[in-house]
PDB file of N, CA and C in Angstrom:
ATOM      1  N   MET A   1       1.044  -0.921   0.106  1.00  0.00           N
ATOM      2  CA  MET A   1      -0.119  -0.132   0.006  1.00  0.00           C
ATOM      3  C   MET A   1       0.948   1.187   0.019  1.00  0.00           C
ATOM      4  N   ALA A   2       0.773   2.350  -0.702  1.00  0.00           N
ATOM      5  CA  ALA A   2       1.551   3.574  -0.758  1.00  0.00           C
ATOM      6  C   ALA A   2       0.393   4.826  -1.006  1.00  0.00           C
ATOM      7  N   ARG A   3       0.668   6.225  -0.759  1.00  0.00           N
ATOM      8  CA  ARG A   3       0.037   7.159  -1.182  1.00  0.00           C
ATOM      9  C   ARG A   3       0.856   7.556  -2.285  1.00  0.00           C
ATOM     10  N   LYS A   4      -0.212   8.162  -2.762  1.00  0.00           N
ATOM     11  CA  LYS A   4       0.364   8.558  -4.195  1.00  0.00           C
ATOM     12  C   LYS A   4       0.694  10.116  -4.158  1.00  0.00           C
ATOM     13  N   ILE A   5       0.313  10.739  -3.201  1.00  0.00           N
ATOM     14  CA  ILE A   5       1.124  12.064  -2.654  1.00  0.00           C
ATOM     15  C   ILE A   5       1.197  12.179  -1.304  1.00  0.00           C
ATOM     16  N   GLU A   6       1.676  12.890  -0.768  1.00  0.00           N
ATOM     17  CA  GLU A   6       2.286  13.375   0.842  1.00  0.00           C
ATOM     18  C   GLU A   6       0.624  14.184   1.057  1.00  0.00           C
ATOM     19  N   PHE A   7      -0.090  13.738   2.296  1.00  0.00           N
ATOM     20  CA  PHE A   7      -0.997  14.724   2.735  1.00  0.00           C
ATOM     21  C   PHE A   7      -0.793  15.144   4.526  1.00  0.00           C
ATOM     22  N   TYR A   8      -1.491  16.423   4.806  1.00  0.00           N
ATOM     23  CA  TYR A   8      -1.162  16.784   6.121  1.00  0.00           C
ATOM     24  C   TYR A   8      -2.217  15.793   7.050  1.00  0.00           C
ATOM     25  N   SER A   9      -1.861  16.033   8.321  1.00  0.00           N
ATOM     26  CA  SER A   9      -2.789  15.266   9.519  1.00  0.00           C
ATOM     27  C   SER A   9      -3.978  15.740   9.312  1.00  0.00           C
ATOM     28  N   GLN A  10      -5.144  14.721   9.610  1.00  0.00           N
ATOM     29  CA  GLN A  10      -6.225  14.782   9.669  1.00  0.00           C
ATOM     30  C   GLN A  10      -6.860  15.387  10.721  1.00  0.00           C
ATOM     31  N   THR A  11      -6.191  15.264  11.891  1.00  0.00           N
ATOM     32  CA  THR A  11      -6.836  15.704  13.090  1.00  0.00           C
ATOM     33  C   THR A  11      -7.718  17.082  13.235  1.00  0.00           C
ATOM     34  N   LYS A  12      -6.960  17.846  12.657  1.00  0.00           N
ATOM     35  CA  LYS A  12      -7.659  19.358  12.686  1.00  0.00           C
ATOM     36  C   LYS A  12      -8.918  19.417  11.342  1.00  0.00           C
ATOM     37  N   ARG A  13      -9.048  18.755  11.087  1.00  0.00           N
ATOM     38  CA  ARG A  13     -10.153  18.910   9.669  1.00  0.00           C
ATOM     39  C   ARG A  13     -11.601  18.229  10.044  1.00  0.00           C
ATOM     40  N   ASP A  14     -12.707  18.725   9.429  1.00  0.00           N
ATOM     41  CA  ASP A  14     -13.664  18.420   9.709  1.00  0.00           C
ATOM     42  C   ASP A  14     -14.003  16.909   9.081  1.00  0.00           C
ATOM     43  N   LYS A  15     -15.094  16.345   9.582  1.00  0.00           N
ATOM     44  CA  LYS A  15     -15.474  15.047   8.453  1.00  0.00           C
ATOM     45  C   LYS A  15     -15.381  15.460   7.086  1.00  0.00           C
ATOM     46  N   VAL A  16     -15.953  15.760   6.498  1.00  0.00           N
ATOM     47  CA  VAL A  16     -16.347  15.863   4.913  1.00  0.00           C
ATOM     48  C   VAL A  16     -14.747  16.450   4.269  1.00  0.00           C
ATOM     49  N   SER A  17     -14.093  17.152   4.870  1.00  0.00           N
ATOM     50  CA  SER A  17     -12.722  17.744   4.736  1.00  0.00           C
ATOM     51  C   SER A  17     -11.747  16.514   4.705  1.00  0.00           C
ATOM     52  N   ARG A  18     -11.986  15.654   5.315  1.00  0.00           N
ATOM     53  CA  ARG A  18     -11.139  14.252   5.820  1.00  0.00           C
ATOM     54  C   ARG A  18     -11.366  13.688   4.827  1.00  0.00           C
ATOM     55  N   GLN A  19     -12.714  13.403   4.297  1.00  0.00           N
ATOM     56  CA  GLN A  19     -12.816  12.366   3.227  1.00  0.00           C
ATOM     57  C   GLN A  19     -12.539  12.863   2.156  1.00  0.00           C
ATOM     58  N   LYS A  20     -12.353  13.966   1.898  1.00  0.00           N
ATOM     59  CA  LYS A  20     -11.857  14.649   0.363  1.00  0.00           C
ATOM     60  C   LYS A  20     -10.753  14.380   0.499  1.00  0.00           C
ATOM     61  N   ALA A  21      -9.666  14.680   1.426  1.00  0.00           N
ATOM     62  CA  ALA A  21      -8.403  14.916   1.485  1.00  0.00           C
ATOM     63  C   ALA A  21      -7.761  13.665   1.158  1.00  0.00           C
ATOM     64  N   VAL A  22      -8.370  12.175   1.425  1.00  0.00           N
ATOM     65  CA  VAL A  22      -7.869  11.334   1.332  1.00  0.00           C
ATOM     66  C   VAL A  22      -8.349  10.220  -0.069  1.00  0.00           C
ATOM     67  N   LYS A  23      -9.336  10.908  -0.378  1.00  0.00           N
ATOM     68  CA  LYS A  23     -10.071  10.075  -1.662  1.00  0.00           C
ATOM     69  C   LYS A  23      -9.043   9.830  -2.562  1.00  0.00           C
ATOM     70  N   ASN A  24      -9.076   9.047  -3.256  1.00  0.00           N
ATOM     71  CA  ASN A  24      -7.833   8.427  -4.193  1.00  0.00           C
ATOM     72  C   ASN A  24      -6.478   8.849  -3.911  1.00  0.00           C
ATOM     73  N   LYS A  25      -6.076   9.142  -2.899  1.00  0.00           N
ATOM     74  CA  LYS A  25      -4.695   9.295  -2.338  1.00  0.00           C
ATOM     75  C   LYS A  25      -3.732   7.621  -2.327  1.00  0.00           C
ATOM     76  N   PHE A  26      -4.417   6.790  -2.156  1.00  0.00           N
ATOM     77  CA  PHE A  26      -3.874   5.509  -2.136  1.00  0.00           C
ATOM     78  C   PHE A  26      -3.834   4.640  -3.206  1.00  0.00           C
ATOM     79  N   TYR A  27      -2.951   3.805  -3.159  1.00  0.00           N
ATOM     80  CA  TYR A  27      -3.010   2.564  -4.314  1.00  0.00           C
ATOM     81  C   TYR A  27      -2.200   1.239  -3.970  1.00  0.00           C
ATOM     82  N   CYS A  28      -2.460   0.289  -4.519  1.00  0.00           N
ATOM     83  CA  CYS A  28      -1.642  -0.912  -3.905  1.00  0.00           C
ATOM     84  C   CYS A  28      -0.693  -1.110  -5.158  1.00  0.00           C
ATOM     85  N   LYS A  29       0.491  -1.230  -4.685  1.00  0.00           N
ATOM     86  CA  LYS A  29       1.483  -1.770  -5.708  1.00  0.00           C
ATOM     87  C   LYS A  29       1.640  -2.804  -6.243  1.00  0.00           C
ATOM     88  N   ARG A  30       1.165  -3.955  -5.520  1.00  0.00           N
ATOM     89  CA  ARG A  30       1.034  -5.248  -5.792  1.00  0.00           C
ATOM     90  C   ARG A  30       0.000  -6.066  -5.340  1.00  0.00           C
ATOM     91  N   PRO A  31      -1.163  -5.831  -6.127  1.00  0.00           N
ATOM     92  CA  PRO A  31      -2.568  -6.367  -5.459  1.00  0.00           C
ATOM     93  C   PRO A  31      -2.525  -7.869  -5.574  1.00  0.00           C
ATOM     94  N   GLN A  32      -1.401  -8.172  -6.310  1.00  0.00           N
ATOM     95  CA  GLN A  32      -1.622  -9.780  -6.727  1.00  0.00           C
ATOM     96  C   GLN A  32      -1.332 -10.550  -5.218  1.00  0.00           C
ATOM     97  N   LEU A  33      -0.463  -9.792  -4.328  1.00  0.00           N
ATOM     98  CA  LEU A  33      -0.131 -10.302  -2.994  1.00  0.00           C
ATOM     99  C   LEU A  33      -1.199 -10.131  -1.992  1.00  0.00           C
ATOM    100  N   LEU A  34      -2.428  -9.427  -2.222  1.00  0.00           N
ATOM    101  CA  LEU A  34      -3.609  -9.729  -1.408  1.00  0.00           C
ATOM    102  C   LEU A  34      -4.488 -10.219  -1.949  1.00  0.00           C
ATOM    103  N   ARG A  35      -4.405 -10.645  -3.228  1.00  0.00           N
ATOM    104  CA  ARG A  35      -5.565 -11.476  -3.442  1.00  0.00           C
ATOM    105  C   ARG A  35      -5.916 -12.848  -2.568  1.00  0.00           C
ATOM    106  N   ASN A  36      -7.220 -13.006  -2.023  1.00  0.00           N
ATOM    107  CA  ASN A  36      -7.563 -14.180  -1.306  1.00  0.00           C
ATOM    108  C   ASN A  36      -6.878 -14.459   0.174  1.00  0.00           C
ATOM    109  N   LYS A  37      -6.402 -13.014   0.602  1.00  0.00           N
ATOM    110  CA  LYS A  37      -5.635 -12.881   1.387  1.00  0.00           C
ATOM    111  C   LYS A  37      -6.647 -12.461   2.896  1.00  0.00           C
ATOM    112  N   SER A  38      -6.135 -12.375   4.187  1.00  0.00           N
ATOM    113  CA  SER A  38      -6.610 -11.647   5.345  1.00  0.00           C
ATOM    114  C   SER A  38      -5.941 -10.476   5.294  1.00  0.00           C
ATOM    115  N   VAL A  39      -6.321  -9.282   5.777  1.00  0.00           N
ATOM    116  CA  VAL A  39      -5.689  -8.417   6.056  1.00  0.00           C
ATOM    117  C   VAL A  39      -5.858  -7.475   7.233  1.00  0.00           C
ATOM    118  N   LEU A  40      -4.769  -7.170   8.236  1.00  0.00           N
ATOM    119  CA  LEU A  40      -4.994  -6.434   9.040  1.00  0.00           C
ATOM    120  C   LEU A  40      -4.389  -4.990   9.091  1.00  0.00           C
ATOM    121  N   ILE A  41      -5.366  -3.895   8.864  1.00  0.00           N
ATOM    122  CA  ILE A  41      -4.927  -2.481   9.053  1.00  0.00           C
ATOM    123  C   ILE A  41      -4.702  -2.191  10.431  1.00  0.00           C
ATOM    124  N   VAL A  42      -3.577  -1.437  10.320  1.00  0.00           N
ATOM    125  CA  VAL A  42      -3.221  -0.726  11.672  1.00  0.00           C
ATOM    126  C   VAL A  42      -3.137   0.853  11.338  1.00  0.00           C
ATOM    127  N   ASP A  43      -3.872   1.726  12.519  1.00  0.00           N
ATOM    128  CA  ASP A  43      -3.877   3.044  12.235  1.00  0.00           C
ATOM    129  C   ASP A  43      -3.295   3.574  13.765  1.00  0.00           C
ATOM    130  N   ASP A  44      -2.765   4.494  13.598  1.00  0.00           N
ATOM    131  CA  ASP A  44      -2.136   4.989  15.201  1.00  0.00           C
ATOM    132  C   ASP A  44      -3.519   5.821  15.763  1.00  0.00           C
ATOM    133  N   VAL A  45      -4.230   6.560  15.227  1.00  0.00           N
ATOM    134  CA  VAL A  45      -5.557   7.502  15.685  1.00  0.00           C
ATOM    135  C   VAL A  45      -6.497   7.059  15.056  1.00  0.00           C
ATOM    136  N   LEU A  46      -7.791   6.742  15.240  1.00  0.00           N
ATOM    137  CA  LEU A  46      -8.779   6.894  14.491  1.00  0.00           C
ATOM    138  C   LEU A  46      -9.500   8.338  14.715  1.00  0.00           C
ATOM    139  N   THR A  47      -9.580   9.097  13.725  1.00  0.00           N
ATOM    140  CA  THR A  47     -10.475  10.513  13.849  1.00  0.00           C
ATOM    141  C   THR A  47     -11.588  10.126  13.241  1.00  0.00           C
ATOM    142  N   SER A  48     -11.910  10.045  11.919  1.00  0.00           N
ATOM    143  CA  SER A  48     -13.088  10.143  11.327  1.00  0.00           C
ATOM    144  C   SER A  48     -13.282   8.979  10.533  1.00  0.00           C
ATOM    145  N   GLY A  49     -12.395   8.315  10.560  1.00  0.00           N
ATOM    146  CA  GLY A  49     -12.446   6.923  10.108  1.00  0.00           C
ATOM    147  C   GLY A  49     -12.062   6.769   8.319  1.00  0.00           C
ATOM    148  N   ALA A  50     -11.819   8.001   7.854  1.00  0.00           N
ATOM    149  CA  ALA A  50     -11.931   8.450   6.423  1.00  0.00           C
ATOM    150  C   ALA A  50     -10.700   7.625   6.118  1.00  0.00           C
ATOM    151  N   THR A  51      -9.597   7.734   6.590  1.00  0.00           N
ATOM    152  CA  THR A  51      -8.329   6.938   5.868  1.00  0.00           C
ATOM    153  C   THR A  51      -8.833   5.621   6.026  1.00  0.00           C
ATOM    154  N   LEU A  52      -9.036   4.991   7.166  1.00  0.00           N
ATOM    155  CA  LEU A  52      -9.331   3.705   7.428  1.00  0.00           C
ATOM    156  C   LEU A  52     -10.334   3.386   6.165  1.00  0.00           C
ATOM    157  N   ALA A  53     -11.140   3.843   5.997  1.00  0.00           N
ATOM    158  CA  ALA A  53     -12.149   3.216   5.071  1.00  0.00           C
ATOM    159  C   ALA A  53     -11.656   3.681   3.748  1.00  0.00           C
ATOM    160  N   GLU A  54     -10.536   4.567   3.134  1.00  0.00           N
ATOM    161  CA  GLU A  54     -10.021   4.452   1.974  1.00  0.00           C
ATOM    162  C   GLU A  54      -9.449   3.843   1.574  1.00  0.00           C
ATOM    163  N   VAL A  55      -8.279   2.922   2.589  1.00  0.00           N
ATOM    164  CA  VAL A  55      -7.427   2.124   2.734  1.00  0.00           C
ATOM    165  C   VAL A  55      -8.365   0.839   2.355  1.00  0.00           C
ATOM    166  N   ALA A  56      -9.228   0.559   2.972  1.00  0.00           N
ATOM    167  CA  ALA A  56      -9.688  -0.529   3.512  1.00  0.00           C
ATOM    168  C   ALA A  56     -10.359  -0.864   1.870  1.00  0.00           C
ATOM    169  N   SER A  57     -11.212   0.170   1.092  1.00  0.00           N
ATOM    170  CA  SER A  57     -11.146   0.296  -0.078  1.00  0.00           C
ATOM    171  C   SER A  57     -10.692  -0.397  -0.954  1.00  0.00           C
ATOM    172  N   VAL A  58      -8.965   0.290  -1.075  1.00  0.00           N
ATOM    173  CA  VAL A  58      -8.247  -0.079  -1.741  1.00  0.00           C
ATOM    174  C   VAL A  58      -7.536  -1.544  -1.681  1.00  0.00           C
ATOM    175  N   ILE A  59      -7.638  -2.114  -0.820  1.00  0.00           N
ATOM    176  CA  ILE A  59      -7.211  -3.291  -0.563  1.00  0.00           C
ATOM    177  C   ILE A  59      -8.422  -4.284  -0.719  1.00  0.00           C
ATOM    178  N   SER A  60      -9.749  -3.719  -0.641  1.00  0.00           N
ATOM    179  CA  SER A  60     -10.729  -4.715  -1.121  1.00  0.00           C
ATOM    180  C   SER A  60     -10.805  -4.991  -2.704  1.00  0.00           C
ATOM    181  N   ARG A  61     -10.524  -3.994  -3.204  1.00  0.00           N
ATOM    182  CA  ARG A  61     -10.359  -4.003  -4.717  1.00  0.00           C
ATOM    183  C   ARG A  61      -9.256  -4.541  -5.219  1.00  0.00           C
ATOM    184  N   ALA A  62      -8.141  -4.695  -4.599  1.00  0.00           N
ATOM    185  CA  ALA A  62      -7.435  -5.529  -5.111  1.00  0.00           C
ATOM    186  C   ALA A  62      -7.344  -7.099  -4.654  1.00  0.00           C
ATOM    187  N   GLY A  63      -8.444  -7.343  -4.002  1.00  0.00           N
ATOM    188  CA  GLY A  63      -8.999  -8.900  -3.856  1.00  0.00           C
ATOM    189  C   GLY A  63      -8.867  -9.574  -2.516  1.00  0.00           C
ATOM    190  N   ALA A  64      -8.212  -8.952  -1.566  1.00  0.00           N
ATOM    191  CA  ALA A  64      -8.481  -9.512  -0.184  1.00  0.00           C
ATOM    192  C   ALA A  64     -10.028  -9.933   0.373  1.00  0.00           C
ATOM    193  N   ASN A  65      -9.695 -11.243   0.944  1.00  0.00           N
ATOM    194  CA  ASN A  65     -10.983 -11.817   1.363  1.00  0.00           C
ATOM    195  C   ASN A  65     -11.544 -11.257   2.337  1.00  0.00           C
ATOM    196  N   HIS A  66     -10.664 -11.195   3.632  1.00  0.00           N
ATOM    197  CA  HIS A  66     -11.216 -10.510   4.776  1.00  0.00           C
ATOM    198  C   HIS A  66     -10.315  -9.130   5.059  1.00  0.00           C
ATOM    199  N   ILE A  67     -10.859  -8.270   5.465  1.00  0.00           N
ATOM    200  CA  ILE A  67     -10.205  -6.881   6.155  1.00  0.00           C
ATOM    201  C   ILE A  67     -10.663  -6.543   7.635  1.00  0.00           C
ATOM    202  N   LYS A  68      -9.901  -6.554   8.752  1.00  0.00           N
ATOM    203  CA  LYS A  68      -9.778  -6.076   9.923  1.00  0.00           C
ATOM    204  C   LYS A  68      -9.006  -5.064  10.141  1.00  0.00           C
ATOM    205  N   ALA A  69      -9.474  -4.357  11.303  1.00  0.00           N
ATOM    206  CA  ALA A  69      -8.749  -2.890  11.702  1.00  0.00           C
ATOM    207  C   ALA A  69      -8.171  -2.891  12.642  1.00  0.00           C
ATOM    208  N   PHE A  70      -7.204  -2.171  13.498  1.00  0.00           N
ATOM    209  CA  PHE A  70      -6.894  -2.075  14.478  1.00  0.00           C
ATOM    210  C   PHE A  70      -6.282  -0.562  14.730  1.00  0.00           C
ATOM    211  N   THR A  71      -6.884   0.195  15.810  1.00  0.00           N
ATOM    212  CA  THR A  71      -6.324   1.478  16.027  1.00  0.00           C
ATOM    213  C   THR A  71      -5.899   1.698  17.239  1.00  0.00           C
ATOM    214  N   ALA A  72      -4.760   2.439  17.900  1.00  0.00           N
ATOM    215  CA  ALA A  72      -4.244   2.584  19.151  1.00  0.00           C
ATOM    216  C   ALA A  72      -5.264   3.487  19.908  1.00  0.00           C
ATOM    217  N   ALA A  73      -5.365   4.555  19.201  1.00  0.00           N
ATOM    218  CA  ALA A  73      -6.429   5.184  19.788  1.00  0.00           C
ATOM    219  C   ALA A  73      -7.271   5.841  19.178  1.00  0.00           C
ATOM    220  N   VAL A  74      -8.440   6.577  19.899  1.00  0.00           N
ATOM    221  CA  VAL A  74      -9.546   7.180  18.910  1.00  0.00           C
ATOM    222  C   VAL A  74      -9.870   8.566  19.545  1.00  0.00           C
ATOM    223  N   ALA A  75      -9.492   9.564  18.658  1.00  0.00           N
ATOM    224  CA  ALA A  75      -9.751  10.845  18.893  1.00  0.00           C
ATOM    225  C   ALA A  75     -11.069  11.289  19.213  1.00  0.00           C
ATOM    226  N   LYS A  76     -11.778  12.148  20.041  1.00  0.00           N
ATOM    227  CA  LYS A  76     -12.407  12.795  20.614  1.00  0.00           C
ATOM    228  C   LYS A  76     -12.924  13.752  19.868  1.00  0.00           C
TER     229      LYS A  76
END
């Protein structure tokens, strides 16, 4: 998984801005490695879930069978 371009922290943005900021910003370099696999996404801080949802979408399109997510913290 890789970002197409760098972007700034999401913590100070509202939900709609976060969703727009991450839309189409990730891609899978080698999707064949994810086909029929179970994948765990690890995120340091869950804010709106926009980044997590976008990454999960990319992984799903690459062909992963199961996707789970773990976050270390949840923002208020």
